[in-house]
Amino acid sequence: MMAMRDRLVKAMGDEMTAWLRARPLTWRSGDVWAVHGGADPALPMDGQPPSALLWGHPQFMRKPRADGQWVVHGHTVVDTPQVADGRIAVDTGAFATGCLTAAAISADGVTFIQTMGRRA
């Protein structure tokens, strides 16, 4: 795995690697947070450890958020996009299914936009 990682870093080059490292771990608008992996449902969003934001948390998909915050996330592949318990799941496994999902979020709710991908 380390050799594969090293080949990827070399192929991307220093500029791309630096750009990726500079990306924020969260993006927020009101009570909606966009993250990669998930969050610890027991902690406030501004107190999350980076590991939970990047890779998720064991309780993230099991325990609802109780603070009124919504976490839009990928990393956990779902058959269909979901809105439940303070989570908005948009990872429909585009790498394998060809179906890429985005969420349009407004005061009126969430609308999902998807490609017409096909399963691999």
PDB file of N, CA and C in Angstrom:
ATOM      1  N   MET A   1       0.822  -1.193   0.000  1.00  0.00           N
ATOM      2  CA  MET A   1       0.000   0.000   0.000  1.00  0.00           C
ATOM      3  C   MET A   1       0.869   1.261   0.000  1.00  0.00           C
ATOM      4  N   MET A   2       1.946   1.217   0.755  1.00  0.00           N
ATOM      5  CA  MET A   2       2.819   2.400   0.820  1.00  0.00           C
ATOM      6  C   MET A   2       3.446   2.686  -0.549  1.00  0.00           C
ATOM      7  N   ALA A   3       3.846   1.628  -1.257  1.00  0.00           N
ATOM      8  CA  ALA A   3       4.431   1.817  -2.584  1.00  0.00           C
ATOM      9  C   ALA A   3       3.399   2.405  -3.541  1.00  0.00           C
ATOM     10  N   MET A   4       2.152   1.938  -3.451  1.00  0.00           N
ATOM     11  CA  MET A   4       1.092   2.469  -4.298  1.00  0.00           C
ATOM     12  C   MET A   4       0.850   3.950  -3.971  1.00  0.00           C
ATOM     13  N   ARG A   5       0.811   4.268  -2.681  1.00  0.00           N
ATOM     14  CA  ARG A   5       0.643   5.660  -2.280  1.00  0.00           C
ATOM     15  C   ARG A   5       1.764   6.523  -2.844  1.00  0.00           C
ATOM     16  N   ASP A   6       2.990   6.039  -2.733  1.00  0.00           N
ATOM     17  CA  ASP A   6       4.139   6.802  -3.225  1.00  0.00           C
ATOM     18  C   ASP A   6       4.060   7.031  -4.736  1.00  0.00           C
ATOM     19  N   ARG A   7       3.603   6.023  -5.488  1.00  0.00           N
ATOM     20  CA  ARG A   7       3.447   6.188  -6.936  1.00  0.00           C
ATOM     21  C   ARG A   7       2.370   7.220  -7.267  1.00  0.00           C
ATOM     22  N   LEU A   8       1.273   7.202  -6.483  1.00  0.00           N
ATOM     23  CA  LEU A   8       0.209   8.176  -6.698  1.00  0.00           C
ATOM     24  C   LEU A   8       0.701   9.587  -6.419  1.00  0.00           C
ATOM     25  N   VAL A   9       1.402   9.781  -5.313  1.00  0.00           N
ATOM     26  CA  VAL A   9       1.931  11.104  -4.963  1.00  0.00           C
ATOM     27  C   VAL A   9       2.872  11.594  -6.057  1.00  0.00           C
ATOM     28  N   LYS A  10       3.725  10.706  -6.554  1.00  0.00           N
ATOM     29  CA  LYS A  10       4.658  11.081  -7.621  1.00  0.00           C
ATOM     30  C   LYS A  10       3.902  11.455  -8.889  1.00  0.00           C
ATOM     31  N   ALA A  11       2.882  10.671  -9.245  1.00  0.00           N
ATOM     32  CA  ALA A  11       2.106  10.944 -10.455  1.00  0.00           C
ATOM     33  C   ALA A  11       1.338  12.262 -10.353  1.00  0.00           C
ATOM     34  N   MET A  12       0.830  12.584  -9.154  1.00  0.00           N
ATOM     35  CA  MET A  12       0.082  13.837  -8.979  1.00  0.00           C
ATOM     36  C   MET A  12       1.011  15.038  -9.006  1.00  0.00           C
ATOM     37  N   GLY A  13       2.207  14.891  -8.477  1.00  0.00           N
ATOM     38  CA  GLY A  13       3.154  16.002  -8.437  1.00  0.00           C
ATOM     39  C   GLY A  13       2.967  16.861  -7.192  1.00  0.00           C
ATOM     40  N   ASP A  14       3.973  17.660  -6.922  1.00  0.00           N
ATOM     41  CA  ASP A  14       3.986  18.491  -5.715  1.00  0.00           C
ATOM     42  C   ASP A  14       2.859  19.515  -5.686  1.00  0.00           C
ATOM     43  N   GLU A  15       2.557  20.116  -6.830  1.00  0.00           N
ATOM     44  CA  GLU A  15       1.527  21.166  -6.867  1.00  0.00           C
ATOM     45  C   GLU A  15       0.145  20.609  -6.508  1.00  0.00           C
ATOM     46  N   MET A  16      -0.220  19.498  -7.100  1.00  0.00           N
ATOM     47  CA  MET A  16      -1.526  18.894  -6.811  1.00  0.00           C
ATOM     48  C   MET A  16      -1.583  18.400  -5.365  1.00  0.00           C
ATOM     49  N   THR A  17      -0.516  17.795  -4.891  1.00  0.00           N
ATOM     50  CA  THR A  17      -0.471  17.314  -3.513  1.00  0.00           C
ATOM     51  C   THR A  17      -0.635  18.473  -2.537  1.00  0.00           C
ATOM     52  N   ALA A  18       0.050  19.576  -2.779  1.00  0.00           N
ATOM     53  CA  ALA A  18      -0.077  20.755  -1.907  1.00  0.00           C
ATOM     54  C   ALA A  18      -1.495  21.311  -1.951  1.00  0.00           C
ATOM     55  N   TRP A  19      -2.101  21.340  -3.129  1.00  0.00           N
ATOM     56  CA  TRP A  19      -3.469  21.846  -3.256  1.00  0.00           C
ATOM     57  C   TRP A  19      -4.436  20.985  -2.446  1.00  0.00           C
ATOM     58  N   LEU A  20      -4.302  19.662  -2.553  1.00  0.00           N
ATOM     59  CA  LEU A  20      -5.179  18.762  -1.797  1.00  0.00           C
ATOM     60  C   LEU A  20      -4.993  18.927  -0.289  1.00  0.00           C
ATOM     61  N   ARG A  21      -3.763  19.064   0.151  1.00  0.00           N
ATOM     62  CA  ARG A  21      -3.497  19.224   1.587  1.00  0.00           C
ATOM     63  C   ARG A  21      -4.054  20.545   2.131  1.00  0.00           C
ATOM     64  N   ALA A  22      -4.209  21.539   1.267  1.00  0.00           N
ATOM     65  CA  ALA A  22      -4.688  22.859   1.694  1.00  0.00           C
ATOM     66  C   ALA A  22      -6.214  22.947   1.770  1.00  0.00           C
ATOM     67  N   ARG A  23      -6.933  21.935   1.289  1.00  0.00           N
ATOM     68  CA  ARG A  23      -8.403  21.974   1.311  1.00  0.00           C
ATOM     69  C   ARG A  23      -8.894  21.928   2.753  1.00  0.00           C
ATOM     70  N   PRO A  24      -9.946  22.695   3.043  1.00  0.00           N
ATOM     71  CA  PRO A  24     -10.514  22.639   4.398  1.00  0.00           C
ATOM     72  C   PRO A  24     -11.208  21.299   4.649  1.00  0.00           C
ATOM     73  N   LEU A  25     -11.283  20.903   5.902  1.00  0.00           N
ATOM     74  CA  LEU A  25     -11.945  19.651   6.256  1.00  0.00           C
ATOM     75  C   LEU A  25     -13.463  19.794   6.308  1.00  0.00           C
ATOM     76  N   THR A  26     -13.950  21.029   6.453  1.00  0.00           N
ATOM     77  CA  THR A  26     -15.394  21.277   6.469  1.00  0.00           C
ATOM     78  C   THR A  26     -15.711  22.517   5.648  1.00  0.00           C
ATOM     79  N   TRP A  27     -16.961  22.582   5.227  1.00  0.00           N
ATOM     80  CA  TRP A  27     -17.532  23.789   4.646  1.00  0.00           C
ATOM     81  C   TRP A  27     -18.889  23.928   5.292  1.00  0.00           C
ATOM     82  N   ARG A  28     -19.236  25.147   5.701  1.00  0.00           N
ATOM     83  CA  ARG A  28     -20.479  25.348   6.440  1.00  0.00           C
ATOM     84  C   ARG A  28     -21.302  26.480   5.851  1.00  0.00           C
ATOM     85  N   SER A  29     -22.618  26.270   5.848  1.00  0.00           N
ATOM     86  CA  SER A  29     -23.579  27.315   5.526  1.00  0.00           C
ATOM     87  C   SER A  29     -24.742  27.144   6.489  1.00  0.00           C
ATOM     88  N   GLY A  30     -24.856  28.033   7.465  1.00  0.00           N
ATOM     89  CA  GLY A  30     -25.916  27.923   8.463  1.00  0.00           C
ATOM     90  C   GLY A  30     -25.770  26.655   9.280  1.00  0.00           C
ATOM     91  N   ASP A  31     -26.800  25.809   9.249  1.00  0.00           N
ATOM     92  CA  ASP A  31     -26.757  24.557  10.020  1.00  0.00           C
ATOM     93  C   ASP A  31     -26.407  23.349   9.159  1.00  0.00           C
ATOM     94  N   VAL A  32     -25.819  23.595   7.993  1.00  0.00           N
ATOM     95  CA  VAL A  32     -25.419  22.526   7.083  1.00  0.00           C
ATOM     96  C   VAL A  32     -23.901  22.517   6.963  1.00  0.00           C
ATOM     97  N   TRP A  33     -23.330  21.345   7.213  1.00  0.00           N
ATOM     98  CA  TRP A  33     -21.883  21.150   7.141  1.00  0.00           C
ATOM     99  C   TRP A  33     -21.570  20.129   6.061  1.00  0.00           C
ATOM    100  N   ALA A  34     -20.619  20.406   5.200  1.00  0.00           N
ATOM    101  CA  ALA A  34     -20.157  19.443   4.211  1.00  0.00           C
ATOM    102  C   ALA A  34     -18.812  18.896   4.679  1.00  0.00           C
ATOM    103  N   VAL A  35     -18.714  17.575   4.723  1.00  0.00           N
ATOM    104  CA  VAL A  35     -17.487  16.897   5.147  1.00  0.00           C
ATOM    105  C   VAL A  35     -17.253  15.713   4.212  1.00  0.00           C
ATOM    106  N   HIS A  36     -16.112  15.089   4.327  1.00  0.00           N
ATOM    107  CA  HIS A  36     -15.852  13.903   3.513  1.00  0.00           C
ATOM    108  C   HIS A  36     -16.418  12.645   4.169  1.00  0.00           C
ATOM    109  N   GLY A  37     -15.977  12.353   5.379  1.00  0.00           N
ATOM    110  CA  GLY A  37     -16.267  11.054   5.973  1.00  0.00           C
ATOM    111  C   GLY A  37     -17.440  10.999   6.915  1.00  0.00           C
ATOM    112  N   GLY A  38     -17.608  11.988   7.744  1.00  0.00           N
ATOM    113  CA  GLY A  38     -18.666  11.956   8.742  1.00  0.00           C
ATOM    114  C   GLY A  38     -18.292  12.813   9.936  1.00  0.00           C
ATOM    115  N   ALA A  39     -18.905  12.513  11.082  1.00  0.00           N
ATOM    116  CA  ALA A  39     -18.658  13.290  12.292  1.00  0.00           C
ATOM    117  C   ALA A  39     -19.085  12.473  13.501  1.00  0.00           C
ATOM    118  N   ASP A  40     -18.524  12.806  14.627  1.00  0.00           N
ATOM    119  CA  ASP A  40     -18.925  12.190  15.892  1.00  0.00           C
ATOM    120  C   ASP A  40     -20.231  12.853  16.314  1.00  0.00           C
ATOM    121  N   PRO A  41     -21.347  12.101  16.372  1.00  0.00           N
ATOM    122  CA  PRO A  41     -22.634  12.718  16.693  1.00  0.00           C
ATOM    123  C   PRO A  41     -22.710  13.276  18.111  1.00  0.00           C
ATOM    124  N   ALA A  42     -21.780  12.903  18.974  1.00  0.00           N
ATOM    125  CA  ALA A  42     -21.794  13.390  20.355  1.00  0.00           C
ATOM    126  C   ALA A  42     -21.040  14.700  20.529  1.00  0.00           C
ATOM    127  N   LEU A  43     -20.297  15.141  19.506  1.00  0.00           N
ATOM    128  CA  LEU A  43     -19.505  16.366  19.616  1.00  0.00           C
ATOM    129  C   LEU A  43     -20.077  17.469  18.742  1.00  0.00           C
ATOM    130  N   PRO A  44     -19.920  18.729  19.170  1.00  0.00           N
ATOM    131  CA  PRO A  44     -20.327  19.830  18.292  1.00  0.00           C
ATOM    132  C   PRO A  44     -19.482  19.812  17.015  1.00  0.00           C
ATOM    133  N   MET A  45     -20.046  20.287  15.937  1.00  0.00           N
ATOM    134  CA  MET A  45     -19.352  20.231  14.656  1.00  0.00           C
ATOM    135  C   MET A  45     -18.030  20.994  14.675  1.00  0.00           C
ATOM    136  N   ASP A  46     -17.972  22.102  15.383  1.00  0.00           N
ATOM    137  CA  ASP A  46     -16.714  22.853  15.395  1.00  0.00           C
ATOM    138  C   ASP A  46     -15.677  22.249  16.339  1.00  0.00           C
ATOM    139  N   GLY A  47     -15.996  21.123  16.974  1.00  0.00           N
ATOM    140  CA  GLY A  47     -15.059  20.434  17.846  1.00  0.00           C
ATOM    141  C   GLY A  47     -14.712  19.030  17.364  1.00  0.00           C
ATOM    142  N   GLN A  48     -14.944  18.748  16.092  1.00  0.00           N
ATOM    143  CA  GLN A  48     -14.709  17.417  15.538  1.00  0.00           C
ATOM    144  C   GLN A  48     -13.213  17.152  15.334  1.00  0.00           C
ATOM    145  N   PRO A  49     -12.772  15.929  15.632  1.00  0.00           N
ATOM    146  CA  PRO A  49     -11.388  15.579  15.300  1.00  0.00           C
ATOM    147  C   PRO A  49     -11.250  15.404  13.788  1.00  0.00           C
ATOM    148  N   PRO A  50     -10.118  15.779  13.227  1.00  0.00           N
ATOM    149  CA  PRO A  50      -9.927  15.617  11.782  1.00  0.00           C
ATOM    150  C   PRO A  50     -10.170  14.193  11.291  1.00  0.00           C
ATOM    151  N   SER A  51      -9.825  13.191  12.090  1.00  0.00           N
ATOM    152  CA  SER A  51     -10.011  11.800  11.657  1.00  0.00           C
ATOM    153  C   SER A  51     -11.484  11.483  11.405  1.00  0.00           C
ATOM    154  N   ALA A  52     -12.388  12.016  12.216  1.00  0.00           N
ATOM    155  CA  ALA A  52     -13.821  11.769  12.009  1.00  0.00           C
ATOM    156  C   ALA A  52     -14.308  12.464  10.739  1.00  0.00           C
ATOM    157  N   LEU A  53     -13.833  13.668  10.493  1.00  0.00           N
ATOM    158  CA  LEU A  53     -14.251  14.402   9.301  1.00  0.00           C
ATOM    159  C   LEU A  53     -13.762  13.731   8.021  1.00  0.00           C
ATOM    160  N   LEU A  54     -12.576  13.153   8.076  1.00  0.00           N
ATOM    161  CA  LEU A  54     -12.012  12.496   6.898  1.00  0.00           C
ATOM    162  C   LEU A  54     -12.510  11.077   6.697  1.00  0.00           C
ATOM    163  N   TRP A  55     -12.597  10.306   7.774  1.00  0.00           N
ATOM    164  CA  TRP A  55     -12.840   8.875   7.643  1.00  0.00           C
ATOM    165  C   TRP A  55     -14.126   8.397   8.302  1.00  0.00           C
ATOM    166  N   GLY A  56     -14.838   9.272   8.985  1.00  0.00           N
ATOM    167  CA  GLY A  56     -16.073   8.892   9.653  1.00  0.00           C
ATOM    168  C   GLY A  56     -15.843   8.553  11.113  1.00  0.00           C
ATOM    169  N   HIS A  57     -16.904   8.179  11.769  1.00  0.00           N
ATOM    170  CA  HIS A  57     -16.879   7.845  13.195  1.00  0.00           C
ATOM    171  C   HIS A  57     -17.761   6.617  13.393  1.00  0.00           C
ATOM    172  N   PRO A  58     -17.395   5.700  14.299  1.00  0.00           N
ATOM    173  CA  PRO A  58     -18.185   4.471  14.477  1.00  0.00           C
ATOM    174  C   PRO A  58     -19.669   4.708  14.757  1.00  0.00           C
ATOM    175  N   GLN A  59     -20.021   5.800  15.399  1.00  0.00           N
ATOM    176  CA  GLN A  59     -21.426   6.068  15.732  1.00  0.00           C
ATOM    177  C   GLN A  59     -22.140   6.954  14.712  1.00  0.00           C
ATOM    178  N   PHE A  60     -21.413   7.426  13.699  1.00  0.00           N
ATOM    179  CA  PHE A  60     -21.989   8.397  12.764  1.00  0.00           C
ATOM    180  C   PHE A  60     -23.255   7.901  12.082  1.00  0.00           C
ATOM    181  N   MET A  61     -23.251   6.703  11.559  1.00  0.00           N
ATOM    182  CA  MET A  61     -24.425   6.191  10.853  1.00  0.00           C
ATOM    183  C   MET A  61     -25.408   5.487  11.786  1.00  0.00           C
ATOM    184  N   ARG A  62     -25.091   5.396  13.067  1.00  0.00           N
ATOM    185  CA  ARG A  62     -25.944   4.685  14.027  1.00  0.00           C
ATOM    186  C   ARG A  62     -26.727   5.616  14.949  1.00  0.00           C
ATOM    187  N   LYS A  63     -26.163   6.755  15.262  1.00  0.00           N
ATOM    188  CA  LYS A  63     -26.770   7.649  16.250  1.00  0.00           C
ATOM    189  C   LYS A  63     -27.132   8.985  15.591  1.00  0.00           C
ATOM    190  N   PRO A  64     -28.371   9.443  15.762  1.00  0.00           N
ATOM    191  CA  PRO A  64     -28.754  10.725  15.149  1.00  0.00           C
ATOM    192  C   PRO A  64     -28.080  11.903  15.839  1.00  0.00           C
ATOM    193  N   ARG A  65     -27.903  12.979  15.092  1.00  0.00           N
ATOM    194  CA  ARG A  65     -27.404  14.220  15.687  1.00  0.00           C
ATOM    195  C   ARG A  65     -28.550  14.818  16.492  1.00  0.00           C
ATOM    196  N   ALA A  66     -28.229  15.407  17.623  1.00  0.00           N
ATOM    197  CA  ALA A  66     -29.258  16.001  18.487  1.00  0.00           C
ATOM    198  C   ALA A  66     -29.121  17.517  18.571  1.00  0.00           C
ATOM    199  N   ASP A  67     -28.227  18.098  17.756  1.00  0.00           N
ATOM    200  CA  ASP A  67     -27.950  19.528  17.872  1.00  0.00           C
ATOM    201  C   ASP A  67     -28.544  20.373  16.753  1.00  0.00           C
ATOM    202  N   GLY A  68     -29.354  19.763  15.875  1.00  0.00           N
ATOM    203  CA  GLY A  68     -29.972  20.521  14.787  1.00  0.00           C
ATOM    204  C   GLY A  68     -29.059  20.772  13.608  1.00  0.00           C
ATOM    205  N   GLN A  69     -27.845  20.277  13.649  1.00  0.00           N
ATOM    206  CA  GLN A  69     -26.916  20.444  12.547  1.00  0.00           C
ATOM    207  C   GLN A  69     -27.089  19.286  11.553  1.00  0.00           C
ATOM    208  N   TRP A  70     -26.871  19.583  10.285  1.00  0.00           N
ATOM    209  CA  TRP A  70     -26.951  18.578   9.231  1.00  0.00           C
ATOM    210  C   TRP A  70     -25.568  18.378   8.641  1.00  0.00           C
ATOM    211  N   VAL A  71     -25.192  17.119   8.451  1.00  0.00           N
ATOM    212  CA  VAL A  71     -23.878  16.777   7.918  1.00  0.00           C
ATOM    213  C   VAL A  71     -24.056  16.122   6.551  1.00  0.00           C
ATOM    214  N   VAL A  72     -23.611  16.818   5.513  1.00  0.00           N
ATOM    215  CA  VAL A  72     -23.609  16.267   4.157  1.00  0.00           C
ATOM    216  C   VAL A  72     -22.286  15.528   4.006  1.00  0.00           C
ATOM    217  N   HIS A  73     -22.368  14.267   3.603  1.00  0.00           N
ATOM    218  CA  HIS A  73     -21.139  13.466   3.593  1.00  0.00           C
ATOM    219  C   HIS A  73     -21.113  12.479   2.444  1.00  0.00           C
ATOM    220  N   GLY A  74     -19.896  12.056   2.149  1.00  0.00           N
ATOM    221  CA  GLY A  74     -19.639  10.957   1.238  1.00  0.00           C
ATOM    222  C   GLY A  74     -19.030   9.836   2.057  1.00  0.00           C
ATOM    223  N   HIS A  75     -18.093   9.140   1.457  1.00  0.00           N
ATOM    224  CA  HIS A  75     -17.277   8.109   2.094  1.00  0.00           C
ATOM    225  C   HIS A  75     -18.019   6.821   2.424  1.00  0.00           C
ATOM    226  N   THR A  76     -19.286   6.894   2.783  1.00  0.00           N
ATOM    227  CA  THR A  76     -20.089   5.694   3.042  1.00  0.00           C
ATOM    228  C   THR A  76     -21.047   5.529   1.865  1.00  0.00           C
ATOM    229  N   VAL A  77     -20.819   4.495   1.052  1.00  0.00           N
ATOM    230  CA  VAL A  77     -21.634   4.292  -0.147  1.00  0.00           C
ATOM    231  C   VAL A  77     -23.037   3.831   0.245  1.00  0.00           C
ATOM    232  N   VAL A  78     -24.027   4.483  -0.362  1.00  0.00           N
ATOM    233  CA  VAL A  78     -25.438   4.137  -0.168  1.00  0.00           C
ATOM    234  C   VAL A  78     -26.063   3.844  -1.535  1.00  0.00           C
ATOM    235  N   ASP A  79     -27.073   2.962  -1.551  1.00  0.00           N
ATOM    236  CA  ASP A  79     -27.743   2.638  -2.814  1.00  0.00           C
ATOM    237  C   ASP A  79     -28.464   3.843  -3.396  1.00  0.00           C
ATOM    238  N   THR A  80     -29.106   4.609  -2.521  1.00  0.00           N
ATOM    239  CA  THR A  80     -29.792   5.833  -2.936  1.00  0.00           C
ATOM    240  C   THR A  80     -29.425   6.927  -1.940  1.00  0.00           C
ATOM    241  N   PRO A  81     -29.391   8.178  -2.374  1.00  0.00           N
ATOM    242  CA  PRO A  81     -29.082   9.253  -1.435  1.00  0.00           C
ATOM    243  C   PRO A  81     -30.127   9.301  -0.325  1.00  0.00           C
ATOM    244  N   GLN A  82     -29.693   9.732   0.860  1.00  0.00           N
ATOM    245  CA  GLN A  82     -30.569   9.685   2.027  1.00  0.00           C
ATOM    246  C   GLN A  82     -30.508  10.966   2.838  1.00  0.00           C
ATOM    247  N   VAL A  83     -31.640  11.319   3.419  1.00  0.00           N
ATOM    248  CA  VAL A  83     -31.747  12.431   4.365  1.00  0.00           C
ATOM    249  C   VAL A  83     -32.382  11.868   5.622  1.00  0.00           C
ATOM    250  N   ALA A  84     -31.623  11.781   6.715  1.00  0.00           N
ATOM    251  CA  ALA A  84     -32.167  11.230   7.957  1.00  0.00           C
ATOM    252  C   ALA A  84     -31.244  11.538   9.120  1.00  0.00           C
ATOM    253  N   ASP A  85     -31.825  11.827  10.271  1.00  0.00           N
ATOM    254  CA  ASP A  85     -31.096  11.912  11.539  1.00  0.00           C
ATOM    255  C   ASP A  85     -29.914  12.877  11.518  1.00  0.00           C
ATOM    256  N   GLY A  86     -30.061  13.981  10.810  1.00  0.00           N
ATOM    257  CA  GLY A  86     -28.989  14.972  10.764  1.00  0.00           C
ATOM    258  C   GLY A  86     -27.906  14.647   9.750  1.00  0.00           C
ATOM    259  N   ARG A  87     -28.174  13.686   8.873  1.00  0.00           N
ATOM    260  CA  ARG A  87     -27.200  13.293   7.865  1.00  0.00           C
ATOM    261  C   ARG A  87     -27.821  13.384   6.468  1.00  0.00           C
ATOM    262  N   ILE A  88     -27.001  13.803   5.514  1.00  0.00           N
ATOM    263  CA  ILE A  88     -27.390  13.786   4.106  1.00  0.00           C
ATOM    264  C   ILE A  88     -26.300  13.014   3.378  1.00  0.00           C
ATOM    265  N   ALA A  89     -26.601  11.781   3.010  1.00  0.00           N
ATOM    266  CA  ALA A  89     -25.640  10.878   2.380  1.00  0.00           C
ATOM    267  C   ALA A  89     -25.737  10.993   0.867  1.00  0.00           C
ATOM    268  N   VAL A  90     -24.620  11.320   0.208  1.00  0.00           N
ATOM    269  CA  VAL A  90     -24.631  11.508  -1.242  1.00  0.00           C
ATOM    270  C   VAL A  90     -23.681  10.581  -1.996  1.00  0.00           C
ATOM    271  N   ASP A  91     -22.975   9.706  -1.306  1.00  0.00           N
ATOM    272  CA  ASP A  91     -22.005   8.829  -1.985  1.00  0.00           C
ATOM    273  C   ASP A  91     -22.713   7.596  -2.536  1.00  0.00           C
ATOM    274  N   THR A  92     -23.024   7.634  -3.823  1.00  0.00           N
ATOM    275  CA  THR A  92     -23.682   6.503  -4.473  1.00  0.00           C
ATOM    276  C   THR A  92     -22.685   5.650  -5.256  1.00  0.00           C
ATOM    277  N   GLY A  93     -21.423   5.699  -4.836  1.00  0.00           N
ATOM    278  CA  GLY A  93     -20.408   4.807  -5.392  1.00  0.00           C
ATOM    279  C   GLY A  93     -20.095   5.024  -6.850  1.00  0.00           C
ATOM    280  N   ALA A  94     -19.942   6.262  -7.268  1.00  0.00           N
ATOM    281  CA  ALA A  94     -19.712   6.570  -8.681  1.00  0.00           C
ATOM    282  C   ALA A  94     -18.543   5.788  -9.270  1.00  0.00           C
ATOM    283  N   PHE A  95     -17.542   5.487  -8.459  1.00  0.00           N
ATOM    284  CA  PHE A  95     -16.383   4.741  -8.959  1.00  0.00           C
ATOM    285  C   PHE A  95     -16.778   3.364  -9.474  1.00  0.00           C
ATOM    286  N   ALA A  96     -17.834   2.776  -8.927  1.00  0.00           N
ATOM    287  CA  ALA A  96     -18.272   1.439  -9.325  1.00  0.00           C
ATOM    288  C   ALA A  96     -19.590   1.442 -10.085  1.00  0.00           C
ATOM    289  N   THR A  97     -20.457   2.417  -9.779  1.00  0.00           N
ATOM    290  CA  THR A  97     -21.806   2.421 -10.364  1.00  0.00           C
ATOM    291  C   THR A  97     -21.959   3.371 -11.536  1.00  0.00           C
ATOM    292  N   GLY A  98     -21.079   4.366 -11.620  1.00  0.00           N
ATOM    293  CA  GLY A  98     -21.247   5.400 -12.632  1.00  0.00           C
ATOM    294  C   GLY A  98     -22.287   6.429 -12.235  1.00  0.00           C
ATOM    295  N   CYS A  99     -22.890   6.282 -11.058  1.00  0.00           N
ATOM    296  CA  CYS A  99     -23.935   7.195 -10.594  1.00  0.00           C
ATOM    297  C   CYS A  99     -23.338   8.197  -9.611  1.00  0.00           C
ATOM    298  N   LEU A 100     -23.186   9.426 -10.057  1.00  0.00           N
ATOM    299  CA  LEU A 100     -22.669  10.503  -9.220  1.00  0.00           C
ATOM    300  C   LEU A 100     -23.843  11.326  -8.712  1.00  0.00           C
ATOM    301  N   THR A 101     -23.862  11.604  -7.407  1.00  0.00           N
ATOM    302  CA  THR A 101     -24.986  12.304  -6.790  1.00  0.00           C
ATOM    303  C   THR A 101     -24.529  13.607  -6.170  1.00  0.00           C
ATOM    304  N   ALA A 102     -25.347  14.649  -6.335  1.00  0.00           N
ATOM    305  CA  ALA A 102     -25.144  15.938  -5.675  1.00  0.00           C
ATOM    306  C   ALA A 102     -26.433  16.290  -4.958  1.00  0.00           C
ATOM    307  N   ALA A 103     -26.341  17.138  -3.953  1.00  0.00           N
ATOM    308  CA  ALA A 103     -27.518  17.573  -3.205  1.00  0.00           C
ATOM    309  C   ALA A 103     -27.675  19.085  -3.350  1.00  0.00           C
ATOM    310  N   ALA A 104     -28.859  19.514  -3.777  1.00  0.00           N
ATOM    311  CA  ALA A 104     -29.213  20.934  -3.794  1.00  0.00           C
ATOM    312  C   ALA A 104     -30.027  21.174  -2.524  1.00  0.00           C
ATOM    313  N   ILE A 105     -29.462  21.956  -1.613  1.00  0.00           N
ATOM    314  CA  ILE A 105     -30.061  22.141  -0.287  1.00  0.00           C
ATOM    315  C   ILE A 105     -30.565  23.566  -0.164  1.00  0.00           C
ATOM    316  N   SER A 106     -31.836  23.698   0.226  1.00  0.00           N
ATOM    317  CA  SER A 106     -32.425  25.020   0.415  1.00  0.00           C
ATOM    318  C   SER A 106     -33.320  24.984   1.648  1.00  0.00           C
ATOM    319  N   ALA A 107     -33.912  26.111   1.968  1.00  0.00           N
ATOM    320  CA  ALA A 107     -34.838  26.177   3.103  1.00  0.00           C
ATOM    321  C   ALA A 107     -36.050  25.270   2.882  1.00  0.00           C
ATOM    322  N   ASP A 108     -36.344  24.960   1.619  1.00  0.00           N
ATOM    323  CA  ASP A 108     -37.489  24.104   1.295  1.00  0.00           C
ATOM    324  C   ASP A 108     -37.177  22.616   1.373  1.00  0.00           C
ATOM    325  N   GLY A 109     -35.908  22.259   1.510  1.00  0.00           N
ATOM    326  CA  GLY A 109     -35.546  20.850   1.606  1.00  0.00           C
ATOM    327  C   GLY A 109     -34.348  20.493   0.762  1.00  0.00           C
ATOM    328  N   VAL A 110     -34.213  19.217   0.480  1.00  0.00           N
ATOM    329  CA  VAL A 110     -33.080  18.688  -0.278  1.00  0.00           C
ATOM    330  C   VAL A 110     -33.592  18.049  -1.556  1.00  0.00           C
ATOM    331  N   THR A 111     -32.957  18.410  -2.664  1.00  0.00           N
ATOM    332  CA  THR A 111     -33.236  17.785  -3.948  1.00  0.00           C
ATOM    333  C   THR A 111     -31.944  17.137  -4.413  1.00  0.00           C
ATOM    334  N   PHE A 112     -32.024  15.874  -4.812  1.00  0.00           N
ATOM    335  CA  PHE A 112     -30.842  15.180  -5.291  1.00  0.00           C
ATOM    336  C   PHE A 112     -30.777  15.250  -6.812  1.00  0.00           C
ATOM    337  N   ILE A 113     -29.578  15.445  -7.297  1.00  0.00           N
ATOM    338  CA  ILE A 113     -29.308  15.487  -8.739  1.00  0.00           C
ATOM    339  C   ILE A 113     -28.332  14.353  -9.002  1.00  0.00           C
ATOM    340  N   GLN A 114     -28.662  13.496  -9.975  1.00  0.00           N
ATOM    341  CA  GLN A 114     -27.812  12.344 -10.250  1.00  0.00           C
ATOM    342  C   GLN A 114     -27.508  12.211 -11.739  1.00  0.00           C
ATOM    343  N   THR A 115     -26.346  11.647 -12.028  1.00  0.00           N
ATOM    344  CA  THR A 115     -26.019  11.268 -13.393  1.00  0.00           C
ATOM    345  C   THR A 115     -26.854  10.042 -13.745  1.00  0.00           C
ATOM    346  N   MET A 116     -26.901   9.724 -14.970  1.00  0.00           N
ATOM    347  CA  MET A 116     -27.605   8.528 -15.415  1.00  0.00           C
ATOM    348  C   MET A 116     -26.578   7.433 -15.632  1.00  0.00           C
ATOM    349  N   GLY A 117     -25.736   7.215 -14.649  1.00  0.00           N
ATOM    350  CA  GLY A 117     -24.676   6.226 -14.741  1.00  0.00           C
ATOM    351  C   GLY A 117     -25.215   4.812 -14.820  1.00  0.00           C
ATOM    352  N   ARG A 118     -24.336   3.926 -15.141  1.00  0.00           N
ATOM    353  CA  ARG A 118     -24.714   2.527 -15.189  1.00  0.00           C
ATOM    354  C   ARG A 118     -23.800   1.747 -14.261  1.00  0.00           C
ATOM    355  N   ARG A 119     -24.289   0.668 -13.778  1.00  0.00           N
ATOM    356  CA  ARG A 119     -23.498  -0.168 -12.855  1.00  0.00           C
ATOM    357  C   ARG A 119     -22.358  -0.819 -13.596  1.00  0.00           C
ATOM    358  N   ALA A 120     -21.210  -0.857 -12.923  1.00  0.00           N
ATOM    359  CA  ALA A 120     -20.014  -1.474 -13.522  1.00  0.00           C
ATOM    360  C   ALA A 120     -20.070  -2.972 -13.395  1.00  0.00           C
TER     361      ALA A 120
END
